[in-house]
PDB file of N, CA and C in Angstrom:
ATOM      1  N   MET A   1       1.009  -1.454   0.119  1.00  0.00           N
ATOM      2  CA  MET A   1       0.164   0.039  -0.123  1.00  0.00           C
ATOM      3  C   MET A   1       0.842   1.113   0.342  1.00  0.00           C
ATOM      4  N   GLY A   2       1.820   1.584   0.831  1.00  0.00           N
ATOM      5  CA  GLY A   2       2.912   2.408   0.941  1.00  0.00           C
ATOM      6  C   GLY A   2       2.977   2.553  -0.537  1.00  0.00           C
ATOM      7  N   ARG A   3       4.065   1.641  -0.913  1.00  0.00           N
ATOM      8  CA  ARG A   3       3.843   2.011  -2.561  1.00  0.00           C
ATOM      9  C   ARG A   3       3.821   2.883  -3.680  1.00  0.00           C
ATOM     10  N   LYS A   4       2.098   2.313  -3.501  1.00  0.00           N
ATOM     11  CA  LYS A   4       1.519   2.330  -4.346  1.00  0.00           C
ATOM     12  C   LYS A   4       1.030   4.288  -3.591  1.00  0.00           C
ATOM     13  N   LEU A   5       0.877   4.034  -2.303  1.00  0.00           N
ATOM     14  CA  LEU A   5       0.965   6.166  -2.039  1.00  0.00           C
ATOM     15  C   LEU A   5       1.443   6.828  -2.433  1.00  0.00           C
ATOM     16  N   LEU A   6       3.124   6.720  -2.273  1.00  0.00           N
ATOM     17  CA  LEU A   6       3.964   7.668  -3.090  1.00  0.00           C
ATOM     18  C   LEU A   6       4.000   7.347  -3.858  1.00  0.00           C
ATOM     19  N   GLN A   7       3.810   6.366  -5.060  1.00  0.00           N
ATOM     20  CA  GLN A   7       3.736   6.489  -7.231  1.00  0.00           C
ATOM     21  C   GLN A   7       2.681   7.407  -6.961  1.00  0.00           C
ATOM     22  N   GLY A   8       1.877   7.310  -6.353  1.00  0.00           N
ATOM     23  CA  GLY A   8       0.244   8.022  -7.006  1.00  0.00           C
ATOM     24  C   GLY A   8       0.853   9.872  -6.614  1.00  0.00           C
ATOM     25  N   LEU A   9       1.731   9.880  -5.115  1.00  0.00           N
ATOM     26  CA  LEU A   9       2.288  11.360  -5.188  1.00  0.00           C
ATOM     27  C   LEU A   9       2.870  11.910  -6.358  1.00  0.00           C
ATOM     28  N   ILE A  10       4.439  10.750  -6.433  1.00  0.00           N
ATOM     29  CA  ILE A  10       4.762  11.613  -8.116  1.00  0.00           C
ATOM     30  C   ILE A  10       4.220  10.833  -8.965  1.00  0.00           C
ATOM     31  N   ASP A  11       2.847  10.621  -9.294  1.00  0.00           N
ATOM     32  CA  ASP A  11       2.464  10.785 -10.714  1.00  0.00           C
ATOM     33  C   ASP A  11       1.702  12.658 -10.738  1.00  0.00           C
ATOM     34  N   GLN A  12       1.706  12.601  -9.373  1.00  0.00           N
ATOM     35  CA  GLN A  12       1.074  14.319  -9.156  1.00  0.00           C
ATOM     36  C   GLN A  12       1.593  15.362  -9.785  1.00  0.00           C
ATOM     37  N   LEU A  13       3.488  15.558  -9.039  1.00  0.00           N
ATOM     38  CA  LEU A  13       3.950  16.262 -10.267  1.00  0.00           C
ATOM     39  C   LEU A  13       4.341  16.912 -10.932  1.00  0.00           C
ATOM     40  N   PRO A  14       4.941  17.955 -10.983  1.00  0.00           N
ATOM     41  CA  PRO A  14       4.940  18.365 -12.474  1.00  0.00           C
ATOM     42  C   PRO A  14       6.010  17.715 -13.090  1.00  0.00           C
ATOM     43  N   GLU A  15       6.548  17.553 -14.439  1.00  0.00           N
ATOM     44  CA  GLU A  15       6.985  16.866 -15.353  1.00  0.00           C
ATOM     45  C   GLU A  15       8.974  16.802 -14.637  1.00  0.00           C
ATOM     46  N   ASP A  16       8.921  17.906 -14.600  1.00  0.00           N
ATOM     47  CA  ASP A  16      10.494  18.643 -14.427  1.00  0.00           C
ATOM     48  C   ASP A  16      10.360  18.650 -12.755  1.00  0.00           C
ATOM     49  N   ALA A  17      10.059  17.870 -12.164  1.00  0.00           N
ATOM     50  CA  ALA A  17      10.531  18.162 -10.635  1.00  0.00           C
ATOM     51  C   ALA A  17      11.768  16.899 -10.749  1.00  0.00           C
ATOM     52  N   GLU A  18      12.559  16.788 -10.345  1.00  0.00           N
ATOM     53  CA  GLU A  18      13.788  16.089 -10.442  1.00  0.00           C
ATOM     54  C   GLU A  18      14.056  15.197  -9.383  1.00  0.00           C
ATOM     55  N   ARG A  19      13.655  16.195  -7.982  1.00  0.00           N
ATOM     56  CA  ARG A  19      13.501  15.360  -6.639  1.00  0.00           C
ATOM     57  C   ARG A  19      12.634  14.891  -5.513  1.00  0.00           C
ATOM     58  N   LEU A  20      12.417  14.298  -5.097  1.00  0.00           N
ATOM     59  CA  LEU A  20      10.974  14.499  -4.646  1.00  0.00           C
ATOM     60  C   LEU A  20      12.093  14.168  -2.790  1.00  0.00           C
ATOM     61  N   TRP A  21      11.395  14.824  -1.536  1.00  0.00           N
ATOM     62  CA  TRP A  21      11.953  14.154  -0.058  1.00  0.00           C
ATOM     63  C   TRP A  21      10.960  14.525   0.686  1.00  0.00           C
ATOM     64  N   ILE A  22      11.454  13.564   2.185  1.00  0.00           N
ATOM     65  CA  ILE A  22      10.314  13.270   2.688  1.00  0.00           C
ATOM     66  C   ILE A  22      10.916  13.019   4.426  1.00  0.00           C
ATOM     67  N   GLU A  23       9.785  12.900   4.818  1.00  0.00           N
ATOM     68  CA  GLU A  23      10.367  12.947   6.501  1.00  0.00           C
ATOM     69  C   GLU A  23       9.974  12.017   7.033  1.00  0.00           C
ATOM     70  N   HIS A  24      10.466  12.274   8.259  1.00  0.00           N
ATOM     71  CA  HIS A  24       9.783  11.612   9.771  1.00  0.00           C
ATOM     72  C   HIS A  24      10.809  11.487  10.527  1.00  0.00           C
ATOM     73  N   PHE A  25       9.989  10.890  11.503  1.00  0.00           N
ATOM     74  CA  PHE A  25      11.145  11.036  13.045  1.00  0.00           C
ATOM     75  C   PHE A  25      12.106  10.094  13.323  1.00  0.00           C
ATOM     76  N   ALA A  26      12.892  10.400  13.444  1.00  0.00           N
ATOM     77  CA  ALA A  26      14.219   9.418  13.583  1.00  0.00           C
ATOM     78  C   ALA A  26      13.704   7.961  14.815  1.00  0.00           C
ATOM     79  N   ALA A  27      12.906   7.936  15.804  1.00  0.00           N
ATOM     80  CA  ALA A  27      12.049   6.944  16.309  1.00  0.00           C
ATOM     81  C   ALA A  27      11.428   5.999  15.394  1.00  0.00           C
ATOM     82  N   ASN A  28      11.181   6.245  14.575  1.00  0.00           N
ATOM     83  CA  ASN A  28      10.151   5.583  13.062  1.00  0.00           C
ATOM     84  C   ASN A  28      10.817   4.857  12.320  1.00  0.00           C
ATOM     85  N   GLU A  29      11.712   3.946  13.092  1.00  0.00           N
ATOM     86  CA  GLU A  29      11.690   2.703  11.849  1.00  0.00           C
ATOM     87  C   GLU A  29      11.545   2.131  10.853  1.00  0.00           C
ATOM     88  N   ARG A  30      10.143   1.793  11.292  1.00  0.00           N
ATOM     89  CA  ARG A  30       9.369   1.069  10.266  1.00  0.00           C
ATOM     90  C   ARG A  30       9.071   2.297   8.731  1.00  0.00           C
ATOM     91  N   ALA A  31       9.166   3.339   9.315  1.00  0.00           N
ATOM     92  CA  ALA A  31       9.183   4.143   7.966  1.00  0.00           C
ATOM     93  C   ALA A  31      11.013   4.794   7.181  1.00  0.00           C
ATOM     94  N   GLY A  32      11.270   4.604   8.360  1.00  0.00           N
ATOM     95  CA  GLY A  32      12.854   4.563   7.588  1.00  0.00           C
ATOM     96  C   GLY A  32      13.621   2.968   7.146  1.00  0.00           C
ATOM     97  N   ALA A  33      13.487   2.333   7.623  1.00  0.00           N
ATOM     98  CA  ALA A  33      13.004   1.279   6.437  1.00  0.00           C
ATOM     99  C   ALA A  33      12.225   1.611   5.258  1.00  0.00           C
ATOM    100  N   PHE A  34      11.442   1.219   4.891  1.00  0.00           N
ATOM    101  CA  PHE A  34      10.702   1.419   3.636  1.00  0.00           C
ATOM    102  C   PHE A  34      11.081   2.571   2.787  1.00  0.00           C
ATOM    103  N   TYR A  35      11.291   3.104   3.611  1.00  0.00           N
ATOM    104  CA  TYR A  35      11.356   4.581   2.408  1.00  0.00           C
ATOM    105  C   TYR A  35      13.154   4.131   1.749  1.00  0.00           C
ATOM    106  N   GLU A  36      14.151   3.533   2.691  1.00  0.00           N
ATOM    107  CA  GLU A  36      15.256   2.936   2.500  1.00  0.00           C
ATOM    108  C   GLU A  36      15.099   2.153   1.231  1.00  0.00           C
ATOM    109  N   ARG A  37      14.398   1.166   1.194  1.00  0.00           N
ATOM    110  CA  ARG A  37      13.805   0.114   0.576  1.00  0.00           C
ATOM    111  C   ARG A  37      13.524   1.347  -0.886  1.00  0.00           C
ATOM    112  N   GLU A  38      12.838   2.524  -0.558  1.00  0.00           N
ATOM    113  CA  GLU A  38      11.910   2.729  -1.282  1.00  0.00           C
ATOM    114  C   GLU A  38      13.031   3.171  -2.563  1.00  0.00           C
ATOM    115  N   GLY A  39      14.290   3.683  -1.840  1.00  0.00           N
ATOM    116  CA  GLY A  39      15.524   4.268  -2.316  1.00  0.00           C
ATOM    117  C   GLY A  39      15.553   6.204  -1.848  1.00  0.00           C
ATOM    118  N   TYR A  40      15.083   6.494  -1.213  1.00  0.00           N
ATOM    119  CA  TYR A  40      15.601   7.711  -0.379  1.00  0.00           C
ATOM    120  C   TYR A  40      16.365   7.070   0.692  1.00  0.00           C
ATOM    121  N   GLY A  41      16.877   8.181  -0.098  1.00  0.00           N
ATOM    122  CA  GLY A  41      18.604   7.932   1.143  1.00  0.00           C
ATOM    123  C   GLY A  41      18.602   9.474   2.408  1.00  0.00           C
ATOM    124  N   VAL A  42      18.737   9.247   2.871  1.00  0.00           N
ATOM    125  CA  VAL A  42      19.381   9.994   4.145  1.00  0.00           C
ATOM    126  C   VAL A  42      20.085  11.124   3.426  1.00  0.00           C
ATOM    127  N   GLU A  43      19.162  12.530   3.683  1.00  0.00           N
ATOM    128  CA  GLU A  43      20.360  14.034   3.012  1.00  0.00           C
ATOM    129  C   GLU A  43      20.850  14.778   4.308  1.00  0.00           C
ATOM    130  N   ARG A  44      19.480  15.046   5.680  1.00  0.00           N
ATOM    131  CA  ARG A  44      20.471  14.959   6.656  1.00  0.00           C
ATOM    132  C   ARG A  44      18.978  15.008   7.789  1.00  0.00           C
ATOM    133  N   ILE A  45      20.015  15.614   9.578  1.00  0.00           N
ATOM    134  CA  ILE A  45      18.937  15.007  10.529  1.00  0.00           C
ATOM    135  C   ILE A  45      18.906  16.265  10.687  1.00  0.00           C
ATOM    136  N   GLU A  46      17.389  16.642  11.697  1.00  0.00           N
ATOM    137  CA  GLU A  46      17.550  17.391  11.915  1.00  0.00           C
ATOM    138  C   GLU A  46      17.255  17.378  13.671  1.00  0.00           C
ATOM    139  N   PRO A  47      18.114  17.579  14.563  1.00  0.00           N
ATOM    140  CA  PRO A  47      17.533  16.860  16.444  1.00  0.00           C
ATOM    141  C   PRO A  47      16.432  18.445  16.379  1.00  0.00           C
ATOM    142  N   SER A  48      15.644  17.519  17.398  1.00  0.00           N
ATOM    143  CA  SER A  48      14.963  17.666  18.489  1.00  0.00           C
ATOM    144  C   SER A  48      14.795  19.052  18.640  1.00  0.00           C
ATOM    145  N   PRO A  49      14.365  19.689  18.943  1.00  0.00           N
ATOM    146  CA  PRO A  49      14.682  20.665  19.641  1.00  0.00           C
ATOM    147  C   PRO A  49      14.734  20.772  21.734  1.00  0.00           C
ATOM    148  N   ASP A  50      14.247  19.911  21.560  1.00  0.00           N
ATOM    149  CA  ASP A  50      14.398  19.271  23.610  1.00  0.00           C
ATOM    150  C   ASP A  50      15.220  18.537  22.976  1.00  0.00           C
ATOM    151  N   GLY A  51      15.612  18.121  22.629  1.00  0.00           N
ATOM    152  CA  GLY A  51      16.946  17.546  22.521  1.00  0.00           C
ATOM    153  C   GLY A  51      16.916  16.180  22.621  1.00  0.00           C
ATOM    154  N   ASP A  52      15.689  15.383  22.286  1.00  0.00           N
ATOM    155  CA  ASP A  52      14.829  13.546  22.335  1.00  0.00           C
ATOM    156  C   ASP A  52      15.894  13.794  21.031  1.00  0.00           C
ATOM    157  N   PRO A  53      16.598  12.791  20.749  1.00  0.00           N
ATOM    158  CA  PRO A  53      17.146  11.633  19.778  1.00  0.00           C
ATOM    159  C   PRO A  53      15.968  11.420  19.014  1.00  0.00           C
ATOM    160  N   ALA A  54      15.063  10.490  19.599  1.00  0.00           N
ATOM    161  CA  ALA A  54      13.916   9.898  18.547  1.00  0.00           C
ATOM    162  C   ALA A  54      13.172  11.146  17.696  1.00  0.00           C
ATOM    163  N   ARG A  55      13.200  12.260  18.643  1.00  0.00           N
ATOM    164  CA  ARG A  55      11.782  13.253  18.135  1.00  0.00           C
ATOM    165  C   ARG A  55      13.421  13.824  16.832  1.00  0.00           C
ATOM    166  N   SER A  56      14.248  13.674  16.739  1.00  0.00           N
ATOM    167  CA  SER A  56      15.423  14.612  15.908  1.00  0.00           C
ATOM    168  C   SER A  56      13.945  13.800  14.014  1.00  0.00           C
ATOM    169  N   VAL A  57      13.602  14.937  13.646  1.00  0.00           N
ATOM    170  CA  VAL A  57      14.042  14.368  11.692  1.00  0.00           C
ATOM    171  C   VAL A  57      14.852  14.812  11.133  1.00  0.00           C
ATOM    172  N   VAL A  58      14.581  13.338  10.384  1.00  0.00           N
ATOM    173  CA  VAL A  58      15.073  12.195   9.068  1.00  0.00           C
ATOM    174  C   VAL A  58      14.828  13.293   8.204  1.00  0.00           C
ATOM    175  N   TRP A  59      15.314  13.579   7.320  1.00  0.00           N
ATOM    176  CA  TRP A  59      15.123  13.764   6.074  1.00  0.00           C
ATOM    177  C   TRP A  59      15.420  12.732   4.654  1.00  0.00           C
ATOM    178  N   ARG A  60      14.631  13.148   3.753  1.00  0.00           N
ATOM    179  CA  ARG A  60      15.290  11.270   2.764  1.00  0.00           C
ATOM    180  C   ARG A  60      14.653  12.313   1.107  1.00  0.00           C
ATOM    181  N   VAL A  61      15.732  11.656   0.590  1.00  0.00           N
ATOM    182  CA  VAL A  61      15.563  12.363  -0.760  1.00  0.00           C
ATOM    183  C   VAL A  61      15.419  10.859  -1.578  1.00  0.00           C
ATOM    184  N   ARG A  62      14.925  11.297  -2.777  1.00  0.00           N
ATOM    185  CA  ARG A  62      15.119  10.634  -4.386  1.00  0.00           C
ATOM    186  C   ARG A  62      14.782  11.556  -5.510  1.00  0.00           C
ATOM    187  N   ARG A  63      16.025  11.060  -6.071  1.00  0.00           N
ATOM    188  CA  ARG A  63      16.369  11.425  -7.787  1.00  0.00           C
ATOM    189  C   ARG A  63      15.352  10.608  -8.651  1.00  0.00           C
ATOM    190  N   LEU A  64      13.932  11.567  -8.726  1.00  0.00           N
ATOM    191  CA  LEU A  64      13.662  10.903  -9.847  1.00  0.00           C
ATOM    192  C   LEU A  64      13.527  10.759 -10.998  1.00  0.00           C
ATOM    193  N   LYS A  65      14.336  11.714 -11.563  1.00  0.00           N
ATOM    194  CA  LYS A  65      14.938  11.697 -13.217  1.00  0.00           C
ATOM    195  C   LYS A  65      16.732  11.799 -12.746  1.00  0.00           C
ATOM    196  N   PRO A  66      16.737  10.939 -13.604  1.00  0.00           N
ATOM    197  CA  PRO A  66      18.752  10.717 -13.701  1.00  0.00           C
ATOM    198  C   PRO A  66      19.121  12.152 -13.856  1.00  0.00           C
ATOM    199  N   ALA A  67      20.823  12.489 -13.630  1.00  0.00           N
ATOM    200  CA  ALA A  67      21.495  13.882 -12.820  1.00  0.00           C
ATOM    201  C   ALA A  67      21.782  14.259 -14.465  1.00  0.00           C
TER     202      ALA A  67
END
């Protein structure tokens, strides 16, 4: 189901879109594993304002078109 949702999102993007960024909390390991399988690499991790590493925001990116 998740793969279909992502593809539906990608299908709605402008044709010239080169990348798609997503985010999830660091504690959501299932989301991280799913996005990794789907080709989204970690771009950066933003620390949580309260210092809780589980609430850090993981930004992932996937290239949609060749460089």
